[in-house]
Structure formats: C-alpha cells, structure tokens
Amino acid sequence: GKLALKTILEPNWSELNYVDNLDMAAQPKETINGIDYAVIHQSMAMNGLTVKNKLLMQIVGQSADFSGQFYLSPLLFKPGNSVPVPPPQKEAPATDFEKPIAGKQYVYTFDTNNNGFFDAWGGAFQRNFPVQYSNDLGEGALRLNVNYTGGGWEEANIAEWLSGTANTKWDLSAYEQVEFDVFLPEAMA
C-alpha cells in the first residue's frame, strides 16, 4: 500500500499541500536508534491566508497494511520576507506554550507533551493513546499510533487549534510558511 499526506488550514478548508501515492522506497532514509525510517519533508506556503485558526493533517493509508507508529517532527513556522533566524529561547517550561516573537521563525515543539494536537477523526488510529508525544527519535516528536488494515482509504487525522476563537493561543497572520517532517518506519514499505 501507499500513503497520502494532506495539510489544511481552517477555516474554509484551505489545502496547503496534498501528496498522493507516496512511494516509501523513493523517500530519503534516516536511521534513528537502530530503526530505519523513510522521511517525508513537507514545506508549504501559507501566504495569502489571513485567518490561520486550525492546522489539520491527514495521513491516509491507501490499501496500506501497517500497524505501528509514525512520527511528526516539531513544526517550523517562518515569517514572511525574512532571513531564517534562531528560534526564540525558552523562558518557560516546555509544558507552557511559547508565543512567537514578531519577525522570527517559530518552532512548535513536542518536548514534553503533544502541545494540544489531538486525533481529530478517522478510523485508522489505535484505540489506546492514538496521539502522544515521544522522545523515540532522540528529540521531542508527536507519535501517531496507527492501524491500517489494508482496506482501501483509511484516515488518521490530527488537528490543533493555533489561533482564533477556540483555544486562542497567538496570532499567526505574519507567518507565511510551515515546515515539518514525517518519519515512517521502513517496515511499512
């Protein structure tokens, strides 16, 4: 089977990126703690979208037969028209949300918790602990515990309120790009 990845900003279901029929064998590889992973790097523009309330990610199994863990790296938000600069220094424990600093890139981490990401919908999550933070990759990451049964189109979707009326955290209107990596065990291929 294969995978599809889609990244969406709400409201209005603004699709930032959609990659279909991902061939795991063609992806760059990385070995972490003795486990080989296919690494899918995602970098997408958010410019032109003035309302950036909720970030959704769909990870779809397309006739994939796999039960195990995927990992999502910390998210890197980049402001418009700027040269990359170091992320803000932590001033509070990692369990507290850090607010972005105007004009600087911002790293949304998973150092000690899932920072609000939750299993939004889709039947491909395992029942126990579907979404949780992890240090399995050597640094904080979001671990998605999935169970694709090979039955066609199966979704494991995660979401997080970033700004807006529900769970207001900060204003992302100045940010124009988001980047992250998805780590998939080679055993899935």
C-alpha atoms as a PDB file:
ATOM      1  CA  GLY A   1       0.000   0.000   0.000  1.00  0.00           C
ATOM      2  CA  LYS A   2       0.863   3.662  -0.186  1.00  0.00           C
ATOM      3  CA  LEU A   3       0.208   6.824   1.791  1.00  0.00           C
ATOM      4  CA  ALA A   4      -1.248  10.235   1.112  1.00  0.00           C
ATOM      5  CA  LEU A   5      -0.485  13.364   3.170  1.00  0.00           C
ATOM      6  CA  LYS A   6      -2.633  16.478   3.221  1.00  0.00           C
ATOM      7  CA  THR A   7      -2.108  19.651   5.278  1.00  0.00           C
ATOM      8  CA  ILE A   8      -5.041  22.031   5.729  1.00  0.00           C
ATOM      9  CA  LEU A   9      -5.660  25.346   7.480  1.00  0.00           C
ATOM     10  CA  GLU A  10      -9.091  26.150   8.832  1.00  0.00           C
ATOM     11  CA  PRO A  11     -11.438  27.854   8.491  1.00  0.00           C
ATOM     12  CA  ASN A  12     -12.526  27.344   4.901  1.00  0.00           C
ATOM     13  CA  TRP A  13     -10.522  24.135   4.366  1.00  0.00           C
ATOM     14  CA  SER A  14      -7.513  25.841   2.730  1.00  0.00           C
ATOM     15  CA  GLU A  15      -5.353  22.999   1.422  1.00  0.00           C
ATOM     16  CA  LEU A  16      -1.680  23.862   1.804  1.00  0.00           C
ATOM     17  CA  ASN A  17      -0.341  20.661   0.317  1.00  0.00           C
ATOM     18  CA  TYR A  18      -1.525  17.279  -0.898  1.00  0.00           C
ATOM     19  CA  VAL A  19       0.796  14.418  -1.801  1.00  0.00           C
ATOM     20  CA  ASP A  20      -0.823  11.226  -3.099  1.00  0.00           C
ATOM     21  CA  ASN A  21       0.522   7.703  -3.699  1.00  0.00           C
ATOM     22  CA  LEU A  22       3.712   8.231  -1.702  1.00  0.00           C
ATOM     23  CA  ASP A  23       6.249   5.555  -2.538  1.00  0.00           C
ATOM     24  CA  MET A  24       8.158   4.839   0.691  1.00  0.00           C
ATOM     25  CA  ALA A  25      11.082   3.279  -1.197  1.00  0.00           C
ATOM     26  CA  ALA A  26      11.686   6.573  -3.025  1.00  0.00           C
ATOM     27  CA  GLN A  27      11.867   8.697   0.163  1.00  0.00           C
ATOM     28  CA  PRO A  28      15.123   9.758   1.868  1.00  0.00           C
ATOM     29  CA  LYS A  29      16.135   7.393   4.682  1.00  0.00           C
ATOM     30  CA  GLU A  30      17.342   8.010   8.216  1.00  0.00           C
ATOM     31  CA  THR A  31      18.353   5.503  10.900  1.00  0.00           C
ATOM     32  CA  ILE A  32      17.454   6.503  14.467  1.00  0.00           C
ATOM     33  CA  ASN A  33      18.115   4.214  17.428  1.00  0.00           C
ATOM     34  CA  GLY A  34      18.671   1.288  15.068  1.00  0.00           C
ATOM     35  CA  ILE A  35      15.346   1.732  13.235  1.00  0.00           C
ATOM     36  CA  ASP A  36      15.249   2.778   9.573  1.00  0.00           C
ATOM     37  CA  TYR A  37      12.717   5.480   8.683  1.00  0.00           C
ATOM     38  CA  ALA A  38      11.525   6.974   5.428  1.00  0.00           C
ATOM     39  CA  VAL A  39      11.478  10.748   5.931  1.00  0.00           C
ATOM     40  CA  ILE A  40       8.896  12.875   4.151  1.00  0.00           C
ATOM     41  CA  HIS A  41       9.789  16.569   4.328  1.00  0.00           C
ATOM     42  CA  GLN A  42       6.889  18.978   3.936  1.00  0.00           C
ATOM     43  CA  SER A  43       7.317  22.702   3.276  1.00  0.00           C
ATOM     44  CA  MET A  44       4.332  24.765   2.287  1.00  0.00           C
ATOM     45  CA  ALA A  45       3.318  28.377   1.866  1.00  0.00           C
ATOM     46  CA  MET A  46       0.576  29.902   3.999  1.00  0.00           C
ATOM     47  CA  ASN A  47       0.825  33.359   2.431  1.00  0.00           C
ATOM     48  CA  GLY A  48      -2.400  34.903   1.257  1.00  0.00           C
ATOM     49  CA  LEU A  49      -4.352  33.250   4.070  1.00  0.00           C
ATOM     50  CA  THR A  50      -5.282  35.883   6.625  1.00  0.00           C
ATOM     51  CA  VAL A  51      -7.118  33.545   9.016  1.00  0.00           C
ATOM     52  CA  LYS A  52      -5.000  30.674  10.318  1.00  0.00           C
ATOM     53  CA  ASN A  53      -7.012  29.139  13.135  1.00  0.00           C
ATOM     54  CA  LYS A  54      -6.643  25.387  12.999  1.00  0.00           C
ATOM     55  CA  LEU A  55      -3.974  23.176  11.469  1.00  0.00           C
ATOM     56  CA  LEU A  56      -5.156  19.770  10.234  1.00  0.00           C
ATOM     57  CA  MET A  57      -3.086  16.919   8.867  1.00  0.00           C
ATOM     58  CA  GLN A  58      -4.459  13.866   7.132  1.00  0.00           C
ATOM     59  CA  ILE A  59      -2.309  10.755   6.893  1.00  0.00           C
ATOM     60  CA  VAL A  60      -4.169   8.328   4.698  1.00  0.00           C
ATOM     61  CA  GLY A  61      -3.387   4.675   4.106  1.00  0.00           C
ATOM     62  CA  GLN A  62      -4.183   3.703   0.536  1.00  0.00           C
ATOM     63  CA  SER A  63      -4.604  -0.066   0.781  1.00  0.00           C
ATOM     64  CA  ALA A  64      -1.755   0.053   3.327  1.00  0.00           C
ATOM     65  CA  ASP A  65      -1.361  -2.852   5.727  1.00  0.00           C
ATOM     66  CA  PHE A  66       0.556  -1.451   8.705  1.00  0.00           C
ATOM     67  CA  SER A  67       0.111  -1.254  12.464  1.00  0.00           C
ATOM     68  CA  GLY A  68       2.625   0.824  14.402  1.00  0.00           C
ATOM     69  CA  GLN A  69       3.941   4.342  14.895  1.00  0.00           C
ATOM     70  CA  PHE A  70       4.544   7.337  12.666  1.00  0.00           C
ATOM     71  CA  TYR A  71       6.259  10.450  13.982  1.00  0.00           C
ATOM     72  CA  LEU A  72       5.757  14.148  13.292  1.00  0.00           C
ATOM     73  CA  SER A  73       8.728  16.448  13.907  1.00  0.00           C
ATOM     74  CA  PRO A  74       8.340  19.861  15.553  1.00  0.00           C
ATOM     75  CA  LEU A  75       6.674  22.389  13.254  1.00  0.00           C
ATOM     76  CA  LEU A  76       8.711  25.323  11.975  1.00  0.00           C
ATOM     77  CA  PHE A  77       6.730  28.478  11.179  1.00  0.00           C
ATOM     78  CA  LYS A  78       8.567  31.095   9.105  1.00  0.00           C
ATOM     79  CA  PRO A  79       7.538  34.740   8.848  1.00  0.00           C
ATOM     80  CA  GLY A  80       7.240  36.470   5.512  1.00  0.00           C
ATOM     81  CA  ASN A  81      10.142  38.289   3.844  1.00  0.00           C
ATOM     82  CA  SER A  82      12.771  37.347   6.397  1.00  0.00           C
ATOM     83  CA  VAL A  83      16.057  35.545   6.625  1.00  0.00           C
ATOM     84  CA  PRO A  84      15.887  32.464   8.898  1.00  0.00           C
ATOM     85  CA  VAL A  85      16.939  33.340  12.436  1.00  0.00           C
ATOM     86  CA  PRO A  86      17.356  31.164  15.525  1.00  0.00           C
ATOM     87  CA  PRO A  87      14.098  30.209  17.270  1.00  0.00           C
ATOM     88  CA  PRO A  88      13.180  32.109  20.446  1.00  0.00           C
ATOM     89  CA  GLN A  89      14.852  30.906  23.617  1.00  0.00           C
ATOM     90  CA  LYS A  90      12.644  29.086  26.084  1.00  0.00           C
ATOM     91  CA  GLU A  91      11.674  31.204  29.047  1.00  0.00           C
ATOM     92  CA  ALA A  92       9.078  28.847  30.490  1.00  0.00           C
ATOM     93  CA  PRO A  93       8.899  25.081  30.941  1.00  0.00           C
ATOM     94  CA  ALA A  94       8.170  23.154  27.741  1.00  0.00           C
ATOM     95  CA  THR A  95       4.717  22.343  29.091  1.00  0.00           C
ATOM     96  CA  ASP A  96       3.751  26.007  28.562  1.00  0.00           C
ATOM     97  CA  PHE A  97       3.135  27.404  25.117  1.00  0.00           C
ATOM     98  CA  GLU A  98       5.762  29.867  23.977  1.00  0.00           C
ATOM     99  CA  LYS A  99       4.494  32.788  21.994  1.00  0.00           C
ATOM    100  CA  PRO A 100       6.156  33.624  18.690  1.00  0.00           C
ATOM    101  CA  ILE A 101       8.395  36.688  18.521  1.00  0.00           C
ATOM    102  CA  ALA A 102       7.491  39.088  15.715  1.00  0.00           C
ATOM    103  CA  GLY A 103       9.672  38.692  12.633  1.00  0.00           C
ATOM    104  CA  LYS A 104      11.391  35.500  13.806  1.00  0.00           C
ATOM    105  CA  GLN A 105      10.765  31.910  12.884  1.00  0.00           C
ATOM    106  CA  TYR A 106       8.937  29.865  15.478  1.00  0.00           C
ATOM    107  CA  VAL A 107       9.337  26.206  16.412  1.00  0.00           C
ATOM    108  CA  TYR A 108       6.214  24.474  17.730  1.00  0.00           C
ATOM    109  CA  THR A 109       7.733  21.692  19.840  1.00  0.00           C
ATOM    110  CA  PHE A 110       6.667  18.389  21.335  1.00  0.00           C
ATOM    111  CA  ASP A 111       9.335  18.366  24.075  1.00  0.00           C
ATOM    112  CA  THR A 112       7.211  17.126  26.967  1.00  0.00           C
ATOM    113  CA  ASN A 113       3.653  16.882  25.670  1.00  0.00           C
ATOM    114  CA  ASN A 114       1.599  16.846  22.490  1.00  0.00           C
ATOM    115  CA  ASN A 115       1.048  20.633  22.765  1.00  0.00           C
ATOM    116  CA  GLY A 116      -2.640  20.349  22.022  1.00  0.00           C
ATOM    117  CA  PHE A 117      -2.593  18.075  18.965  1.00  0.00           C
ATOM    118  CA  PHE A 118      -5.382  15.528  19.085  1.00  0.00           C
ATOM    119  CA  ASP A 119      -6.875  12.758  16.951  1.00  0.00           C
ATOM    120  CA  ALA A 120      -9.441  14.747  15.012  1.00  0.00           C
ATOM    121  CA  TRP A 121     -11.218  11.937  13.168  1.00  0.00           C
ATOM    122  CA  GLY A 122     -10.531   8.873  11.095  1.00  0.00           C
ATOM    123  CA  GLY A 123     -10.720   5.198  11.956  1.00  0.00           C
ATOM    124  CA  ALA A 124      -7.047   4.319  11.421  1.00  0.00           C
ATOM    125  CA  PHE A 125      -5.878   5.240  14.929  1.00  0.00           C
ATOM    126  CA  GLN A 126      -5.262   2.573  17.546  1.00  0.00           C
ATOM    127  CA  ARG A 127      -7.747   2.828  20.399  1.00  0.00           C
ATOM    128  CA  ASN A 128      -5.231   3.361  23.200  1.00  0.00           C
ATOM    129  CA  PHE A 129      -3.095   6.511  23.125  1.00  0.00           C
ATOM    130  CA  PRO A 130      -3.658   7.420  19.456  1.00  0.00           C
ATOM    131  CA  VAL A 131      -1.629  10.669  19.634  1.00  0.00           C
ATOM    132  CA  GLN A 132       1.128  11.307  22.175  1.00  0.00           C
ATOM    133  CA  TYR A 133       4.489  12.986  22.456  1.00  0.00           C
ATOM    134  CA  SER A 134       7.617  10.856  22.324  1.00  0.00           C
ATOM    135  CA  ASN A 135      11.400  11.017  22.527  1.00  0.00           C
ATOM    136  CA  ASP A 136      11.780   7.872  20.394  1.00  0.00           C
ATOM    137  CA  LEU A 137      13.590   9.899  17.711  1.00  0.00           C
ATOM    138  CA  GLY A 138      16.036  11.432  20.183  1.00  0.00           C
ATOM    139  CA  GLU A 139      14.128  14.707  20.479  1.00  0.00           C
ATOM    140  CA  GLY A 140      10.502  15.611  21.060  1.00  0.00           C
ATOM    141  CA  ALA A 141       8.139  14.410  18.349  1.00  0.00           C
ATOM    142  CA  LEU A 142       4.459  13.611  18.035  1.00  0.00           C
ATOM    143  CA  ARG A 143       3.871   9.851  17.862  1.00  0.00           C
ATOM    144  CA  LEU A 144       0.822   8.684  15.920  1.00  0.00           C
ATOM    145  CA  ASN A 145      -0.220   5.136  16.750  1.00  0.00           C
ATOM    146  CA  VAL A 146      -1.988   3.850  13.660  1.00  0.00           C
ATOM    147  CA  ASN A 147      -3.576   0.670  12.410  1.00  0.00           C
ATOM    148  CA  TYR A 148      -4.090   0.491   8.651  1.00  0.00           C
ATOM    149  CA  THR A 149      -5.799  -2.792   7.770  1.00  0.00           C
ATOM    150  CA  GLY A 150      -5.236  -2.723   4.002  1.00  0.00           C
ATOM    151  CA  GLY A 151      -8.907  -1.960   3.406  1.00  0.00           C
ATOM    152  CA  GLY A 152      -8.592   0.899   0.922  1.00  0.00           C
ATOM    153  CA  TRP A 153      -8.807   4.547   2.041  1.00  0.00           C
ATOM    154  CA  GLU A 154      -8.145   4.748   5.823  1.00  0.00           C
ATOM    155  CA  GLU A 155      -7.550   8.095   7.553  1.00  0.00           C
ATOM    156  CA  ALA A 156      -5.586   9.038  10.667  1.00  0.00           C
ATOM    157  CA  ASN A 157      -6.165  12.787  11.057  1.00  0.00           C
ATOM    158  CA  ILE A 158      -4.686  15.125  13.653  1.00  0.00           C
ATOM    159  CA  ALA A 159      -5.511  18.737  14.422  1.00  0.00           C
ATOM    160  CA  GLU A 160      -4.539  21.638  16.654  1.00  0.00           C
ATOM    161  CA  TRP A 161      -6.197  24.981  17.324  1.00  0.00           C
ATOM    162  CA  LEU A 162      -3.457  27.568  16.778  1.00  0.00           C
ATOM    163  CA  SER A 163      -5.376  30.819  16.953  1.00  0.00           C
ATOM    164  CA  GLY A 164      -8.895  32.099  16.587  1.00  0.00           C
ATOM    165  CA  THR A 165     -11.891  31.742  18.868  1.00  0.00           C
ATOM    166  CA  ALA A 166     -11.410  28.194  20.161  1.00  0.00           C
ATOM    167  CA  ASN A 167      -8.375  27.846  22.435  1.00  0.00           C
ATOM    168  CA  THR A 168      -6.786  31.132  21.337  1.00  0.00           C
ATOM    169  CA  LYS A 169      -3.009  30.920  21.632  1.00  0.00           C
ATOM    170  CA  TRP A 170      -1.485  33.513  19.301  1.00  0.00           C
ATOM    171  CA  ASP A 171      -1.803  35.344  16.031  1.00  0.00           C
ATOM    172  CA  LEU A 172      -0.149  33.524  13.132  1.00  0.00           C
ATOM    173  CA  SER A 173      -1.083  36.071  10.488  1.00  0.00           C
ATOM    174  CA  ALA A 174       2.572  37.160   9.995  1.00  0.00           C
ATOM    175  CA  TYR A 175       3.746  33.617   9.250  1.00  0.00           C
ATOM    176  CA  GLU A 176       3.842  32.553   5.619  1.00  0.00           C
ATOM    177  CA  GLN A 177       5.407  29.101   5.646  1.00  0.00           C
ATOM    178  CA  VAL A 178       5.262  25.924   7.728  1.00  0.00           C
ATOM    179  CA  GLU A 179       7.714  23.014   7.563  1.00  0.00           C
ATOM    180  CA  PHE A 180       7.832  19.605   9.223  1.00  0.00           C
ATOM    181  CA  ASP A 181       8.962  16.038   8.668  1.00  0.00           C
ATOM    182  CA  VAL A 182       7.005  12.811   8.912  1.00  0.00           C
ATOM    183  CA  PHE A 183       9.011   9.723   9.892  1.00  0.00           C
ATOM    184  CA  LEU A 184       7.619   6.379   8.728  1.00  0.00           C
ATOM    185  CA  PRO A 185       9.250   3.074   9.681  1.00  0.00           C
ATOM    186  CA  GLU A 186      10.795   1.261   6.748  1.00  0.00           C
ATOM    187  CA  ALA A 187       8.854  -1.822   7.863  1.00  0.00           C
ATOM    188  CA  MET A 188       5.780  -0.140   6.389  1.00  0.00           C
ATOM    189  CA  ALA A 189       7.178  -0.160   2.860  1.00  0.00           C
END
